[in-house]
């Protein structure tokens, strides 16, 4: 069986750079929310930090899945589906924690 080499297109490079910027922003928000929680120790800031941390992890998992795993592009691959489910679950936990922090 012959495997194809993945070709890198200009659009793929732009997408990779945008995902790195997105990861940087999410990690920055996580750091800011952790510092705010460390300084004030309120329940709201704790859940905000947990939410941003989960969203940052979801961004990293989603980026890893879609950008770096070229061999796992087949949607029926167990690894690909598992990582997509993990990323979606992390986003759900993150946004749920942010929702709770805003309305508690």
N, C-alpha and C. Protein backbone atom coordinates (compact mmCIF):
# COMPACT_ATOMS: atom_id res chain seq x y z
N UNK A 1 0.84 -1.17 0.00
CA UNK A 1 0.00 0.00 0.00
C UNK A 1 0.89 1.24 0.00
N UNK A 2 0.62 2.15 -0.90
CA UNK A 2 1.39 3.38 -1.02
C UNK A 2 0.63 4.49 -0.29
N UNK A 3 1.35 5.18 0.59
CA UNK A 3 0.74 6.30 1.29
C UNK A 3 1.07 7.59 0.58
N UNK A 4 0.09 8.48 0.54
CA UNK A 4 0.32 9.79 -0.06
C UNK A 4 0.95 10.70 0.97
N UNK A 5 1.84 11.54 0.51
CA UNK A 5 2.42 12.56 1.37
C UNK A 5 1.45 13.75 1.41
N UNK A 6 1.27 14.30 2.57
CA UNK A 6 0.39 15.47 2.70
C UNK A 6 1.10 16.69 2.11
N UNK A 7 0.38 17.40 1.26
CA UNK A 7 0.95 18.62 0.70
C UNK A 7 0.48 19.80 1.51
N UNK A 8 1.38 20.73 1.72
CA UNK A 8 1.06 21.93 2.48
C UNK A 8 0.73 23.04 1.50
N UNK A 9 -0.49 23.54 1.60
CA UNK A 9 -0.94 24.62 0.72
C UNK A 9 -0.85 25.95 1.47
N UNK A 10 -0.86 27.05 0.75
CA UNK A 10 -0.88 28.35 1.43
C UNK A 10 -2.09 28.51 2.36
N UNK A 11 -3.24 28.00 1.94
CA UNK A 11 -4.43 28.07 2.80
C UNK A 11 -4.22 27.24 4.07
N UNK A 12 -3.55 26.11 3.94
CA UNK A 12 -3.26 25.29 5.11
C UNK A 12 -2.32 25.98 6.08
N UNK A 13 -1.37 26.73 5.56
CA UNK A 13 -0.44 27.48 6.41
C UNK A 13 -1.19 28.61 7.14
N UNK A 14 -2.07 29.31 6.42
CA UNK A 14 -2.86 30.37 7.04
C UNK A 14 -3.75 29.78 8.14
N UNK A 15 -4.37 28.63 7.87
CA UNK A 15 -5.22 27.98 8.86
C UNK A 15 -4.41 27.58 10.09
N UNK A 16 -3.23 27.05 9.89
CA UNK A 16 -2.37 26.67 11.01
C UNK A 16 -2.00 27.89 11.84
N UNK A 17 -1.63 28.99 11.18
CA UNK A 17 -1.28 30.21 11.91
C UNK A 17 -2.47 30.78 12.69
N UNK A 18 -3.65 30.75 12.09
CA UNK A 18 -4.84 31.23 12.78
C UNK A 18 -5.16 30.36 13.99
N UNK A 19 -4.97 29.07 13.87
CA UNK A 19 -5.23 28.18 15.02
C UNK A 19 -4.20 28.40 16.11
N UNK A 20 -2.97 28.72 15.75
CA UNK A 20 -1.96 29.03 16.77
C UNK A 20 -2.30 30.34 17.48
N UNK A 21 -2.81 31.33 16.74
CA UNK A 21 -3.24 32.59 17.35
C UNK A 21 -4.42 32.32 18.29
N UNK A 22 -5.37 31.51 17.86
CA UNK A 22 -6.51 31.15 18.69
C UNK A 22 -6.05 30.46 19.97
N UNK A 23 -5.11 29.55 19.86
CA UNK A 23 -4.58 28.88 21.04
C UNK A 23 -3.88 29.87 21.96
N UNK A 24 -3.13 30.81 21.39
CA UNK A 24 -2.47 31.83 22.20
C UNK A 24 -3.46 32.70 22.95
N UNK A 25 -4.53 33.12 22.27
CA UNK A 25 -5.56 33.92 22.94
C UNK A 25 -6.23 33.14 24.07
N UNK A 26 -6.55 31.88 23.80
CA UNK A 26 -7.24 31.09 24.83
C UNK A 26 -6.32 30.84 26.03
N UNK A 27 -5.04 30.60 25.78
CA UNK A 27 -4.11 30.44 26.90
C UNK A 27 -3.92 31.75 27.66
N UNK A 28 -3.91 32.87 26.95
CA UNK A 28 -3.81 34.17 27.61
C UNK A 28 -5.00 34.44 28.51
N UNK A 29 -6.21 34.14 28.02
CA UNK A 29 -7.41 34.31 28.85
C UNK A 29 -7.38 33.39 30.07
N UNK A 30 -6.87 32.18 29.88
CA UNK A 30 -6.76 31.25 31.00
C UNK A 30 -5.80 31.80 32.05
N UNK A 31 -4.68 32.33 31.63
CA UNK A 31 -3.71 32.89 32.56
C UNK A 31 -4.29 34.10 33.30
N UNK A 32 -4.97 34.98 32.59
CA UNK A 32 -5.59 36.15 33.22
C UNK A 32 -6.64 35.72 34.24
N UNK A 33 -7.46 34.73 33.88
CA UNK A 33 -8.50 34.29 34.81
C UNK A 33 -7.89 33.59 36.02
N UNK A 34 -6.79 32.86 35.83
CA UNK A 34 -6.13 32.23 36.98
C UNK A 34 -5.57 33.28 37.94
N UNK A 35 -4.94 34.31 37.38
CA UNK A 35 -4.40 35.38 38.23
C UNK A 35 -5.51 36.09 38.99
N UNK A 36 -6.64 36.34 38.33
CA UNK A 36 -7.77 36.99 39.00
C UNK A 36 -8.29 36.11 40.13
N UNK A 37 -8.39 34.80 39.87
CA UNK A 37 -8.86 33.89 40.92
C UNK A 37 -7.86 33.83 42.07
N UNK A 38 -6.58 33.77 41.75
CA UNK A 38 -5.55 33.70 42.79
C UNK A 38 -5.58 34.94 43.68
N UNK A 39 -5.85 36.10 43.09
CA UNK A 39 -5.87 37.34 43.86
C UNK A 39 -7.14 37.50 44.70
N UNK A 40 -8.30 37.03 44.19
CA UNK A 40 -9.57 37.29 44.86
C UNK A 40 -10.22 36.06 45.51
N UNK A 41 -9.94 34.89 45.02
CA UNK A 41 -10.47 33.63 45.58
C UNK A 41 -11.99 33.60 45.69
N UNK A 42 -12.69 34.01 44.64
CA UNK A 42 -14.15 33.92 44.66
C UNK A 42 -14.59 32.70 43.84
N UNK A 43 -15.80 32.22 44.14
CA UNK A 43 -16.34 31.07 43.41
C UNK A 43 -16.51 31.38 41.93
N UNK A 44 -16.97 32.57 41.63
CA UNK A 44 -17.19 32.95 40.23
C UNK A 44 -15.88 32.91 39.44
N UNK A 45 -14.83 33.45 40.02
CA UNK A 45 -13.54 33.46 39.31
C UNK A 45 -12.96 32.05 39.20
N UNK A 46 -13.25 31.20 40.18
CA UNK A 46 -12.78 29.82 40.09
C UNK A 46 -13.43 29.12 38.90
N UNK A 47 -14.74 29.28 38.76
CA UNK A 47 -15.43 28.64 37.64
C UNK A 47 -15.07 29.29 36.31
N UNK A 48 -14.78 30.57 36.31
CA UNK A 48 -14.31 31.22 35.08
C UNK A 48 -12.96 30.64 34.67
N UNK A 49 -12.07 30.45 35.63
CA UNK A 49 -10.77 29.85 35.32
C UNK A 49 -10.94 28.43 34.79
N UNK A 50 -11.77 27.63 35.45
CA UNK A 50 -12.00 26.25 34.99
C UNK A 50 -12.58 26.27 33.57
N UNK A 51 -13.49 27.19 33.31
CA UNK A 51 -14.08 27.29 31.98
C UNK A 51 -13.05 27.64 30.91
N UNK A 52 -12.24 28.66 31.18
CA UNK A 52 -11.22 29.03 30.20
C UNK A 52 -10.17 27.94 30.03
N UNK A 53 -9.82 27.26 31.10
CA UNK A 53 -8.84 26.17 31.00
C UNK A 53 -9.40 25.03 30.14
N UNK A 54 -10.67 24.70 30.33
CA UNK A 54 -11.28 23.64 29.52
C UNK A 54 -11.38 24.04 28.05
N UNK A 55 -11.76 25.29 27.81
CA UNK A 55 -11.85 25.76 26.43
C UNK A 55 -10.47 25.76 25.77
N UNK A 56 -9.44 26.18 26.49
CA UNK A 56 -8.07 26.15 25.94
C UNK A 56 -7.65 24.74 25.59
N UNK A 57 -7.97 23.79 26.47
CA UNK A 57 -7.63 22.40 26.19
C UNK A 57 -8.43 21.89 24.99
N UNK A 58 -9.69 22.29 24.89
CA UNK A 58 -10.50 21.91 23.73
C UNK A 58 -9.95 22.47 22.43
N UNK A 59 -9.47 23.72 22.48
CA UNK A 59 -8.84 24.32 21.29
C UNK A 59 -7.61 23.52 20.90
N UNK A 60 -6.80 23.15 21.88
CA UNK A 60 -5.57 22.39 21.59
C UNK A 60 -5.90 21.02 21.00
N UNK A 61 -6.86 20.33 21.59
CA UNK A 61 -7.23 19.00 21.09
C UNK A 61 -7.82 19.08 19.69
N UNK A 62 -8.70 20.06 19.46
CA UNK A 62 -9.31 20.22 18.15
C UNK A 62 -8.25 20.57 17.10
N UNK A 63 -7.34 21.46 17.45
CA UNK A 63 -6.27 21.82 16.51
C UNK A 63 -5.38 20.63 16.22
N UNK A 64 -5.05 19.88 17.24
CA UNK A 64 -4.23 18.68 17.05
C UNK A 64 -4.92 17.70 16.13
N UNK A 65 -6.20 17.50 16.37
CA UNK A 65 -6.96 16.53 15.58
C UNK A 65 -7.04 16.93 14.12
N UNK A 66 -7.44 18.16 13.86
CA UNK A 66 -7.72 18.55 12.49
C UNK A 66 -6.49 19.00 11.71
N UNK A 67 -5.45 19.47 12.41
CA UNK A 67 -4.32 20.03 11.70
C UNK A 67 -3.13 19.07 11.62
N UNK A 68 -2.86 18.36 12.69
CA UNK A 68 -1.63 17.59 12.74
C UNK A 68 -1.79 16.11 12.41
N UNK A 69 -2.98 15.57 12.56
CA UNK A 69 -3.17 14.15 12.30
C UNK A 69 -3.65 13.92 10.86
N UNK A 70 -2.75 14.13 9.93
CA UNK A 70 -3.11 13.98 8.51
C UNK A 70 -3.55 12.55 8.20
N UNK A 71 -2.95 11.57 8.85
CA UNK A 71 -3.28 10.17 8.57
C UNK A 71 -4.66 9.81 9.09
N UNK A 72 -5.16 10.56 10.05
CA UNK A 72 -6.45 10.23 10.66
C UNK A 72 -7.59 11.07 10.10
N UNK A 73 -7.47 11.49 8.86
CA UNK A 73 -8.51 12.34 8.26
C UNK A 73 -9.78 11.54 7.94
N UNK A 74 -9.69 10.23 7.92
CA UNK A 74 -10.86 9.42 7.65
C UNK A 74 -11.80 9.51 8.85
N UNK A 75 -13.03 10.01 8.66
CA UNK A 75 -13.92 10.19 9.81
C UNK A 75 -14.31 8.90 10.50
N UNK A 76 -14.03 7.77 9.91
CA UNK A 76 -14.37 6.51 10.56
C UNK A 76 -13.24 6.01 11.46
N UNK A 77 -12.09 6.65 11.44
CA UNK A 77 -10.97 6.24 12.27
C UNK A 77 -11.32 6.49 13.74
N UNK A 78 -11.12 5.50 14.57
CA UNK A 78 -11.46 5.61 15.98
C UNK A 78 -10.73 6.73 16.69
N UNK A 79 -9.45 6.90 16.40
CA UNK A 79 -8.66 7.96 17.04
C UNK A 79 -9.22 9.33 16.67
N UNK A 80 -9.52 9.53 15.40
CA UNK A 80 -10.04 10.82 14.94
C UNK A 80 -11.37 11.14 15.63
N UNK A 81 -12.27 10.18 15.64
CA UNK A 81 -13.59 10.38 16.25
C UNK A 81 -13.44 10.60 17.75
N UNK A 82 -12.58 9.83 18.39
CA UNK A 82 -12.38 9.97 19.83
C UNK A 82 -11.85 11.34 20.21
N UNK A 83 -10.89 11.85 19.43
CA UNK A 83 -10.35 13.18 19.72
C UNK A 83 -11.37 14.28 19.43
N UNK A 84 -12.19 14.10 18.42
CA UNK A 84 -13.25 15.08 18.15
C UNK A 84 -14.27 15.10 19.28
N UNK A 85 -14.62 13.92 19.80
CA UNK A 85 -15.55 13.85 20.93
C UNK A 85 -14.93 14.50 22.16
N UNK A 86 -13.65 14.23 22.42
CA UNK A 86 -12.97 14.83 23.58
C UNK A 86 -12.94 16.35 23.45
N UNK A 87 -12.63 16.86 22.27
CA UNK A 87 -12.60 18.31 22.07
C UNK A 87 -13.96 18.93 22.29
N UNK A 88 -15.02 18.31 21.75
CA UNK A 88 -16.38 18.84 21.93
C UNK A 88 -16.79 18.80 23.40
N UNK A 89 -16.43 17.72 24.09
CA UNK A 89 -16.76 17.61 25.52
C UNK A 89 -16.04 18.69 26.32
N UNK A 90 -14.79 18.97 25.99
CA UNK A 90 -14.04 20.01 26.70
C UNK A 90 -14.67 21.38 26.46
N UNK A 91 -15.11 21.65 25.24
CA UNK A 91 -15.80 22.91 24.97
C UNK A 91 -17.09 23.00 25.78
N UNK A 92 -17.84 21.91 25.85
CA UNK A 92 -19.09 21.92 26.63
C UNK A 92 -18.83 22.18 28.11
N UNK A 93 -17.83 21.52 28.67
CA UNK A 93 -17.48 21.74 30.08
C UNK A 93 -17.04 23.19 30.27
N UNK A 94 -16.20 23.69 29.38
CA UNK A 94 -15.70 25.05 29.50
C UNK A 94 -16.78 26.10 29.44
N UNK A 95 -17.65 25.98 28.45
CA UNK A 95 -18.72 26.97 28.33
C UNK A 95 -19.75 26.81 29.44
N UNK A 96 -19.95 25.58 29.89
CA UNK A 96 -20.84 25.37 31.04
C UNK A 96 -20.30 26.03 32.29
N UNK A 97 -18.99 25.90 32.53
CA UNK A 97 -18.37 26.53 33.70
C UNK A 97 -18.43 28.06 33.58
N UNK A 98 -18.22 28.60 32.38
CA UNK A 98 -18.34 30.05 32.19
C UNK A 98 -19.78 30.51 32.43
N UNK A 99 -20.72 29.76 31.93
CA UNK A 99 -22.14 30.08 32.16
C UNK A 99 -22.43 30.10 33.66
N UNK A 100 -21.97 29.08 34.37
CA UNK A 100 -22.19 29.00 35.81
C UNK A 100 -21.52 30.17 36.53
N UNK A 101 -20.31 30.54 36.08
CA UNK A 101 -19.61 31.63 36.75
C UNK A 101 -20.32 32.97 36.56
N UNK A 102 -21.01 33.13 35.45
CA UNK A 102 -21.71 34.39 35.19
C UNK A 102 -23.08 34.48 35.87
N UNK A 103 -23.72 33.34 36.05
CA UNK A 103 -25.09 33.34 36.57
C UNK A 103 -25.23 32.69 37.94
N UNK A 104 -24.14 32.51 38.66
CA UNK A 104 -24.26 31.91 40.00
C UNK A 104 -24.32 32.98 41.08
